[in-house]
């Protein structure tokens, strides 16, 4: 697998193009988004645009489902373990006000009260960009 730094986080693929590249249905991509596993960029007209990072995240999600036997809830909870407050260097005061610090059942990017005000901010967020696989989660939670 190429190093993740080689993946662009520039949103360029429409949902149809992304589905073809991934050999998935458009419905499946929308489901992954609805389940909080991926957060594509949204244009002003609310069109979804996917980046290379998003496509790689989806490939990894497919692997977790098919090869590792995880379901959406398991993947969501695994992503929820990522210490976003540590990656974002939140102050102790901000941590205790953050709903994600209290409930880690889903990833910060899938939550109301995400620290990013802009719905497209996740595309450049270090938390969103740092997590692809189970191994990534383990590395982040043990350091």
Foldseek 3Di string as FASTA:
>chain_A
DDDLVPWDLDFDAFLVRLCVVLVHDSVVVVVCVLLQQAQFAQDPVGTGTGTSLRSLLVVQVVCCCPVVVDDSQRSQLLLLLQPLCVVVVPDPVVLVVAPSNVDSSGHLLSDPRRPDPDNRCLSVRPSNSQDRHSVSSVVRNVD
